[in-house]
Amino acid sequence: MGLPVRKEDRIYTYADYLSWPDDERWELIDGVAYNMSPAPGRQHHEIVGTIFNELFQYLKVKPCKVYVSPFDVRLPEHPDEQEEEITTVVQPDVSVFCDESKLDDRGARGAPDIAAEVLSPNTSVKDLREKLLLYERVGVREYWIVDPANRIMWVYRLVEPGKTGREGSRAGEQEQAEHARQNKPRLSGQKIGTYGKPEVYGPEDTLTSRVLEGFSLELSSVFTH
């Protein structure tokens, strides 16, 4: 697996991020800048496109929204943190938001309900390590990790304190959207749960989301090669 390439050893902010050339792609995690170049290969794009399309078709007339990278997700440490001071900005391959108040012209401010990452040689370690810890910390309710080389998908589901893995993650879209509207955004400084043991899926399996009630993904459509 490839190790992530970083900028020089200093803490960067969203203000720095906005000043970098448009032809460069970076992510910030706790002030550390990770290079997202070179662009991933064709298989990576096909898998991302398949997942995005399945979610997009399902969510057409539903309250949640799905976005595909590049789409900036800013994750401040606390609700009052100024934009230019934010030190975590990521671009999930696919992200689902059920709280419209998190969305703005720049992308999103606050954690998605679902984040999907497709492993590639230059990002695999970051996706499996730094992003796993980050997404758990900020309250991403489902984290899907797709490994094209081994044709498997890991699904981490957030378990809220005092609940079992299944009960803590189950909610319909309408209920989730209403819950999001009535609560403050889930930010980096608020740990609302932990990930349980990941579920592992192969090409013959079907993933059923507990965030999007009624949504399922045939993994045979993801692993077509």
C-alpha atoms as a PDB file:
ATOM      1  CA  MET A   1       0.000   0.000   0.000  1.00  0.00           C
ATOM      2  CA  GLY A   2       1.225   3.487  -0.824  1.00  0.00           C
ATOM      3  CA  LEU A   3       2.158   5.934   1.897  1.00  0.00           C
ATOM      4  CA  PRO A   4       0.464   9.350   1.644  1.00  0.00           C
ATOM      5  CA  VAL A   5       2.631  12.230   0.392  1.00  0.00           C
ATOM      6  CA  ARG A   6       2.618  15.260   2.706  1.00  0.00           C
ATOM      7  CA  LYS A   7       3.648  18.881   2.448  1.00  0.00           C
ATOM      8  CA  GLU A   8       6.466  20.215   4.618  1.00  0.00           C
ATOM      9  CA  ASP A   9       6.158  19.726   8.368  1.00  0.00           C
ATOM     10  CA  ARG A  10       3.891  22.550   9.580  1.00  0.00           C
ATOM     11  CA  ILE A  11       0.223  23.087  10.407  1.00  0.00           C
ATOM     12  CA  TYR A  12      -1.910  24.267   7.496  1.00  0.00           C
ATOM     13  CA  THR A  13      -5.356  25.858   7.545  1.00  0.00           C
ATOM     14  CA  TYR A  14      -8.275  26.252   5.180  1.00  0.00           C
ATOM     15  CA  ALA A  15      -6.881  29.710   4.299  1.00  0.00           C
ATOM     16  CA  ASP A  16      -3.662  28.030   3.090  1.00  0.00           C
ATOM     17  CA  TYR A  17      -5.684  25.391   1.268  1.00  0.00           C
ATOM     18  CA  LEU A  18      -7.589  28.024  -0.717  1.00  0.00           C
ATOM     19  CA  SER A  19      -4.333  29.665  -1.818  1.00  0.00           C
ATOM     20  CA  TRP A  20      -2.887  26.567  -3.500  1.00  0.00           C
ATOM     21  CA  PRO A  21      -3.020  26.168  -7.327  1.00  0.00           C
ATOM     22  CA  ASP A  22      -6.261  24.861  -8.816  1.00  0.00           C
ATOM     23  CA  ASP A  23      -4.403  22.061 -10.617  1.00  0.00           C
ATOM     24  CA  GLU A  24      -3.229  20.593  -7.289  1.00  0.00           C
ATOM     25  CA  ARG A  25      -5.466  18.452  -5.077  1.00  0.00           C
ATOM     26  CA  TRP A  26      -4.829  18.259  -1.345  1.00  0.00           C
ATOM     27  CA  GLU A  27      -6.634  17.208   1.807  1.00  0.00           C
ATOM     28  CA  LEU A  28      -6.046  18.558   5.311  1.00  0.00           C
ATOM     29  CA  ILE A  29      -6.369  16.336   8.371  1.00  0.00           C
ATOM     30  CA  ASP A  30      -5.613  18.092  11.645  1.00  0.00           C
ATOM     31  CA  GLY A  31      -3.436  20.593   9.797  1.00  0.00           C
ATOM     32  CA  VAL A  32      -1.406  17.980   7.896  1.00  0.00           C
ATOM     33  CA  ALA A  33      -1.597  18.393   4.099  1.00  0.00           C
ATOM     34  CA  TYR A  34      -1.861  15.176   2.043  1.00  0.00           C
ATOM     35  CA  ASN A  35      -1.282  15.185  -1.712  1.00  0.00           C
ATOM     36  CA  MET A  36      -4.051  13.528  -3.746  1.00  0.00           C
ATOM     37  CA  SER A  37      -2.004  13.414  -6.963  1.00  0.00           C
ATOM     38  CA  PRO A  38      -1.636  11.688  -9.319  1.00  0.00           C
ATOM     39  CA  ALA A  39      -5.247  11.174 -10.323  1.00  0.00           C
ATOM     40  CA  PRO A  40      -6.571   7.656  -9.635  1.00  0.00           C
ATOM     41  CA  GLY A  41      -6.940   5.139 -12.440  1.00  0.00           C
ATOM     42  CA  ARG A  42      -9.901   4.140 -14.593  1.00  0.00           C
ATOM     43  CA  GLN A  43     -11.111   1.327 -12.328  1.00  0.00           C
ATOM     44  CA  HIS A  44     -11.209   3.706  -9.367  1.00  0.00           C
ATOM     45  CA  HIS A  45     -13.354   6.164 -11.331  1.00  0.00           C
ATOM     46  CA  GLU A  46     -15.710   3.427 -12.514  1.00  0.00           C
ATOM     47  CA  ILE A  47     -16.289   2.182  -8.961  1.00  0.00           C
ATOM     48  CA  VAL A  48     -16.827   5.711  -7.631  1.00  0.00           C
ATOM     49  CA  GLY A  49     -19.222   6.401 -10.508  1.00  0.00           C
ATOM     50  CA  THR A  50     -21.209   3.243  -9.828  1.00  0.00           C
ATOM     51  CA  ILE A  51     -21.631   3.978  -6.131  1.00  0.00           C
ATOM     52  CA  PHE A  52     -22.535   7.610  -6.810  1.00  0.00           C
ATOM     53  CA  ASN A  53     -25.062   6.671  -9.501  1.00  0.00           C
ATOM     54  CA  GLU A  54     -26.792   4.072  -7.315  1.00  0.00           C
ATOM     55  CA  LEU A  55     -27.115   6.579  -4.469  1.00  0.00           C
ATOM     56  CA  PHE A  56     -28.126   9.430  -6.782  1.00  0.00           C
ATOM     57  CA  GLN A  57     -30.928   7.420  -8.372  1.00  0.00           C
ATOM     58  CA  TYR A  58     -32.213   6.318  -4.972  1.00  0.00           C
ATOM     59  CA  LEU A  59     -32.102   9.803  -3.439  1.00  0.00           C
ATOM     60  CA  LYS A  60     -33.725  11.702  -6.334  1.00  0.00           C
ATOM     61  CA  VAL A  61     -36.970  12.303  -4.432  1.00  0.00           C
ATOM     62  CA  LYS A  62     -35.612  11.916  -0.901  1.00  0.00           C
ATOM     63  CA  PRO A  63     -34.292  14.467   1.612  1.00  0.00           C
ATOM     64  CA  CYS A  64     -30.647  13.391   1.607  1.00  0.00           C
ATOM     65  CA  LYS A  65     -28.103  14.534  -1.017  1.00  0.00           C
ATOM     66  CA  VAL A  66     -25.126  12.700  -2.510  1.00  0.00           C
ATOM     67  CA  TYR A  67     -21.912  14.277  -3.830  1.00  0.00           C
ATOM     68  CA  VAL A  68     -18.857  12.974  -5.668  1.00  0.00           C
ATOM     69  CA  SER A  69     -15.254  14.157  -5.328  1.00  0.00           C
ATOM     70  CA  PRO A  70     -13.925  16.792  -5.733  1.00  0.00           C
ATOM     71  CA  PHE A  71     -16.277  18.163  -3.063  1.00  0.00           C
ATOM     72  CA  ASP A  72     -14.772  19.967  -0.077  1.00  0.00           C
ATOM     73  CA  VAL A  73     -15.961  18.845   3.352  1.00  0.00           C
ATOM     74  CA  ARG A  74     -14.755  21.221   6.074  1.00  0.00           C
ATOM     75  CA  LEU A  75     -14.626  19.778   9.584  1.00  0.00           C
ATOM     76  CA  PRO A  76     -14.110  22.507  12.214  1.00  0.00           C
ATOM     77  CA  GLU A  77     -13.112  21.607  15.748  1.00  0.00           C
ATOM     78  CA  HIS A  78     -16.006  23.587  17.256  1.00  0.00           C
ATOM     79  CA  PRO A  79     -19.130  25.356  15.907  1.00  0.00           C
ATOM     80  CA  ASP A  80     -17.674  28.863  16.222  1.00  0.00           C
ATOM     81  CA  GLU A  81     -14.358  28.158  14.522  1.00  0.00           C
ATOM     82  CA  GLN A  82     -13.664  30.705  11.772  1.00  0.00           C
ATOM     83  CA  GLU A  83     -13.452  29.390   8.218  1.00  0.00           C
ATOM     84  CA  GLU A  84      -9.832  30.455   7.689  1.00  0.00           C
ATOM     85  CA  GLU A  85      -8.800  28.655  10.916  1.00  0.00           C
ATOM     86  CA  ILE A  86     -10.221  25.227  10.019  1.00  0.00           C
ATOM     87  CA  THR A  87      -7.455  22.607   9.826  1.00  0.00           C
ATOM     88  CA  THR A  88      -9.406  19.638   8.403  1.00  0.00           C
ATOM     89  CA  VAL A  89     -10.767  19.644   4.853  1.00  0.00           C
ATOM     90  CA  VAL A  90     -11.334  16.327   3.070  1.00  0.00           C
ATOM     91  CA  GLN A  91     -12.758  15.158  -0.241  1.00  0.00           C
ATOM     92  CA  PRO A  92     -14.509  11.799   0.200  1.00  0.00           C
ATOM     93  CA  ASP A  93     -14.915   9.911  -3.062  1.00  0.00           C
ATOM     94  CA  VAL A  94     -18.668   9.835  -2.352  1.00  0.00           C
ATOM     95  CA  SER A  95     -20.519  11.524   0.508  1.00  0.00           C
ATOM     96  CA  VAL A  96     -24.158  11.656   1.620  1.00  0.00           C
ATOM     97  CA  PHE A  97     -25.626  14.515   3.664  1.00  0.00           C
ATOM     98  CA  CYS A  98     -29.054  14.433   5.284  1.00  0.00           C
ATOM     99  CA  ASP A  99     -28.766  17.862   6.937  1.00  0.00           C
ATOM    100  CA  GLU A 100     -29.099  20.641   4.345  1.00  0.00           C
ATOM    101  CA  SER A 101     -27.839  23.239   6.835  1.00  0.00           C
ATOM    102  CA  LYS A 102     -24.352  21.736   6.438  1.00  0.00           C
ATOM    103  CA  LEU A 103     -24.306  22.474   2.699  1.00  0.00           C
ATOM    104  CA  ASP A 104     -23.151  25.752   1.174  1.00  0.00           C
ATOM    105  CA  ASP A 105     -21.567  27.133  -1.996  1.00  0.00           C
ATOM    106  CA  ARG A 106     -18.116  25.937  -0.933  1.00  0.00           C
ATOM    107  CA  GLY A 107     -19.220  22.362  -0.307  1.00  0.00           C
ATOM    108  CA  ALA A 108     -20.112  21.266   3.209  1.00  0.00           C
ATOM    109  CA  ARG A 109     -19.285  22.272   6.770  1.00  0.00           C
ATOM    110  CA  GLY A 110     -19.814  19.299   9.044  1.00  0.00           C
ATOM    111  CA  ALA A 111     -19.663  15.525   8.850  1.00  0.00           C
ATOM    112  CA  PRO A 112     -21.487  13.558   6.139  1.00  0.00           C
ATOM    113  CA  ASP A 113     -23.829  10.773   7.184  1.00  0.00           C
ATOM    114  CA  ILE A 114     -22.108   8.371   4.770  1.00  0.00           C
ATOM    115  CA  ALA A 115     -18.583   8.592   3.370  1.00  0.00           C
ATOM    116  CA  ALA A 116     -17.209   6.176   0.774  1.00  0.00           C
ATOM    117  CA  GLU A 117     -13.548   5.887  -0.171  1.00  0.00           C
ATOM    118  CA  VAL A 118     -12.105   3.687  -2.924  1.00  0.00           C
ATOM    119  CA  LEU A 119      -8.549   2.635  -2.176  1.00  0.00           C
ATOM    120  CA  SER A 120      -5.816   3.594  -4.631  1.00  0.00           C
ATOM    121  CA  PRO A 121      -2.017   3.132  -4.406  1.00  0.00           C
ATOM    122  CA  ASN A 122      -1.407   6.728  -3.308  1.00  0.00           C
ATOM    123  CA  THR A 123      -4.226   7.042  -0.738  1.00  0.00           C
ATOM    124  CA  SER A 124      -4.813   3.576   0.715  1.00  0.00           C
ATOM    125  CA  VAL A 125      -2.865   4.054   3.963  1.00  0.00           C
ATOM    126  CA  LYS A 126      -4.522   7.415   4.627  1.00  0.00           C
ATOM    127  CA  ASP A 127      -8.005   5.999   3.934  1.00  0.00           C
ATOM    128  CA  LEU A 128      -7.448   3.014   6.214  1.00  0.00           C
ATOM    129  CA  ARG A 129      -5.755   4.908   9.028  1.00  0.00           C
ATOM    130  CA  GLU A 130      -6.091   8.694   9.222  1.00  0.00           C
ATOM    131  CA  LYS A 131      -9.520   8.902   7.612  1.00  0.00           C
ATOM    132  CA  LEU A 132     -10.911   5.977   9.583  1.00  0.00           C
ATOM    133  CA  LEU A 133      -9.995   7.686  12.851  1.00  0.00           C
ATOM    134  CA  LEU A 134     -11.217  11.060  11.565  1.00  0.00           C
ATOM    135  CA  TYR A 135     -14.586   9.825  10.324  1.00  0.00           C
ATOM    136  CA  GLU A 136     -15.222   8.027  13.597  1.00  0.00           C
ATOM    137  CA  ARG A 137     -14.284  11.123  15.598  1.00  0.00           C
ATOM    138  CA  VAL A 138     -16.546  13.519  13.675  1.00  0.00           C
ATOM    139  CA  GLY A 139     -19.546  11.180  13.600  1.00  0.00           C
ATOM    140  CA  VAL A 140     -19.748   9.794  10.064  1.00  0.00           C
ATOM    141  CA  ARG A 141     -22.483   7.215  10.604  1.00  0.00           C
ATOM    142  CA  GLU A 142     -21.331   4.812   7.885  1.00  0.00           C
ATOM    143  CA  TYR A 143     -17.853   4.616   6.377  1.00  0.00           C
ATOM    144  CA  TRP A 144     -17.578   2.429   3.259  1.00  0.00           C
ATOM    145  CA  ILE A 145     -14.061   1.411   2.183  1.00  0.00           C
ATOM    146  CA  VAL A 146     -13.753  -0.289  -1.201  1.00  0.00           C
ATOM    147  CA  ASP A 147     -10.642  -2.358  -1.954  1.00  0.00           C
ATOM    148  CA  PRO A 148     -10.605  -2.990  -5.741  1.00  0.00           C
ATOM    149  CA  ALA A 149      -7.455  -5.117  -5.640  1.00  0.00           C
ATOM    150  CA  ASN A 150      -9.004  -7.673  -3.267  1.00  0.00           C
ATOM    151  CA  ARG A 151     -12.618  -7.129  -4.423  1.00  0.00           C
ATOM    152  CA  ILE A 152     -13.987  -6.460  -0.949  1.00  0.00           C
ATOM    153  CA  MET A 153     -15.766  -3.645   0.869  1.00  0.00           C
ATOM    154  CA  TRP A 154     -15.492  -2.852   4.563  1.00  0.00           C
ATOM    155  CA  VAL A 155     -18.411  -1.055   6.195  1.00  0.00           C
ATOM    156  CA  TYR A 156     -17.920   0.678   9.544  1.00  0.00           C
ATOM    157  CA  ARG A 157     -21.100   1.713  11.344  1.00  0.00           C
ATOM    158  CA  LEU A 158     -21.163   4.247  14.161  1.00  0.00           C
ATOM    159  CA  VAL A 159     -22.447   2.883  17.461  1.00  0.00           C
ATOM    160  CA  GLU A 160     -23.846   5.518  19.785  1.00  0.00           C
ATOM    161  CA  PRO A 161     -23.117   5.185  23.526  1.00  0.00           C
ATOM    162  CA  GLY A 162     -25.452   2.799  25.307  1.00  0.00           C
ATOM    163  CA  LYS A 163     -26.712   1.147  22.107  1.00  0.00           C
ATOM    164  CA  THR A 164     -25.856  -2.027  20.266  1.00  0.00           C
ATOM    165  CA  GLY A 165     -24.235  -1.964  16.857  1.00  0.00           C
ATOM    166  CA  ARG A 166     -27.494  -2.594  15.033  1.00  0.00           C
ATOM    167  CA  GLU A 167     -29.761  -0.330  17.080  1.00  0.00           C
ATOM    168  CA  GLY A 168     -27.236   2.484  17.256  1.00  0.00           C
ATOM    169  CA  SER A 169     -27.013   2.774  13.487  1.00  0.00           C
ATOM    170  CA  ARG A 170     -30.568   2.172  12.317  1.00  0.00           C
ATOM    171  CA  ALA A 171     -32.688   5.121  11.172  1.00  0.00           C
ATOM    172  CA  GLY A 172     -34.827   6.033   8.178  1.00  0.00           C
ATOM    173  CA  GLU A 173     -34.027   8.994   5.958  1.00  0.00           C
ATOM    174  CA  GLN A 174     -36.907  11.153   7.180  1.00  0.00           C
ATOM    175  CA  GLU A 175     -36.018  10.446  10.811  1.00  0.00           C
ATOM    176  CA  GLN A 176     -32.319  11.105  10.175  1.00  0.00           C
ATOM    177  CA  ALA A 177     -32.999  14.392   8.376  1.00  0.00           C
ATOM    178  CA  GLU A 178     -35.270  15.580  11.177  1.00  0.00           C
ATOM    179  CA  HIS A 179     -32.731  14.575  13.805  1.00  0.00           C
ATOM    180  CA  ALA A 180     -30.019  16.500  11.941  1.00  0.00           C
ATOM    181  CA  ARG A 181     -32.132  19.633  11.707  1.00  0.00           C
ATOM    182  CA  GLN A 182     -32.823  19.622  15.443  1.00  0.00           C
ATOM    183  CA  ASN A 183     -29.219  19.115  16.552  1.00  0.00           C
ATOM    184  CA  LYS A 184     -26.003  21.057  16.201  1.00  0.00           C
ATOM    185  CA  PRO A 185     -23.649  19.919  13.414  1.00  0.00           C
ATOM    186  CA  ARG A 186     -21.409  17.039  14.351  1.00  0.00           C
ATOM    187  CA  LEU A 187     -17.927  18.551  14.416  1.00  0.00           C
ATOM    188  CA  SER A 188     -14.432  17.312  15.141  1.00  0.00           C
ATOM    189  CA  GLY A 189     -14.584  18.217  18.829  1.00  0.00           C
ATOM    190  CA  GLN A 190     -17.704  16.180  19.528  1.00  0.00           C
ATOM    191  CA  LYS A 191     -17.316  12.409  19.685  1.00  0.00           C
ATOM    192  CA  ILE A 192     -20.794  10.910  19.519  1.00  0.00           C
ATOM    193  CA  GLY A 193     -19.966   7.237  19.113  1.00  0.00           C
ATOM    194  CA  THR A 194     -17.425   4.659  18.038  1.00  0.00           C
ATOM    195  CA  TYR A 195     -17.137   2.304  15.101  1.00  0.00           C
ATOM    196  CA  GLY A 196     -17.982  -1.288  15.723  1.00  0.00           C
ATOM    197  CA  LYS A 197     -16.219  -4.195  14.045  1.00  0.00           C
ATOM    198  CA  PRO A 198     -16.351  -3.671  10.269  1.00  0.00           C
ATOM    199  CA  GLU A 199     -18.649  -5.759   8.129  1.00  0.00           C
ATOM    200  CA  VAL A 200     -16.912  -7.318   5.113  1.00  0.00           C
ATOM    201  CA  TYR A 201     -18.638  -7.739   1.751  1.00  0.00           C
ATOM    202  CA  GLY A 202     -17.586  -9.482  -1.446  1.00  0.00           C
ATOM    203  CA  PRO A 203     -18.792  -9.414  -5.074  1.00  0.00           C
ATOM    204  CA  GLU A 204     -21.634 -11.836  -4.360  1.00  0.00           C
ATOM    205  CA  ASP A 205     -23.017  -9.817  -1.428  1.00  0.00           C
ATOM    206  CA  THR A 206     -25.539  -7.008  -1.028  1.00  0.00           C
ATOM    207  CA  LEU A 207     -24.843  -4.022   1.193  1.00  0.00           C
ATOM    208  CA  THR A 208     -27.863  -2.672   3.073  1.00  0.00           C
ATOM    209  CA  SER A 209     -27.511   0.796   4.565  1.00  0.00           C
ATOM    210  CA  ARG A 210     -28.912   1.550   8.005  1.00  0.00           C
ATOM    211  CA  VAL A 211     -28.680   5.288   7.388  1.00  0.00           C
ATOM    212  CA  LEU A 212     -30.761   5.208   4.189  1.00  0.00           C
ATOM    213  CA  GLU A 213     -33.671   2.934   4.953  1.00  0.00           C
ATOM    214  CA  GLY A 214     -34.504   0.780   1.944  1.00  0.00           C
ATOM    215  CA  PHE A 215     -31.239   1.394   0.087  1.00  0.00           C
ATOM    216  CA  SER A 216     -29.155  -1.583  -0.943  1.00  0.00           C
ATOM    217  CA  LEU A 217     -26.120  -1.970  -3.200  1.00  0.00           C
ATOM    218  CA  GLU A 218     -25.349  -5.100  -5.171  1.00  0.00           C
ATOM    219  CA  LEU A 219     -21.595  -5.502  -4.922  1.00  0.00           C
ATOM    220  CA  SER A 220     -21.566  -7.373  -8.225  1.00  0.00           C
ATOM    221  CA  SER A 221     -22.217  -3.994  -9.888  1.00  0.00           C
ATOM    222  CA  VAL A 222     -19.206  -2.505  -8.080  1.00  0.00           C
ATOM    223  CA  PHE A 223     -16.725  -5.286  -8.752  1.00  0.00           C
ATOM    224  CA  THR A 224     -17.272  -5.801 -12.470  1.00  0.00           C
ATOM    225  CA  HIS A 225     -13.656  -6.639 -13.350  1.00  0.00           C
END
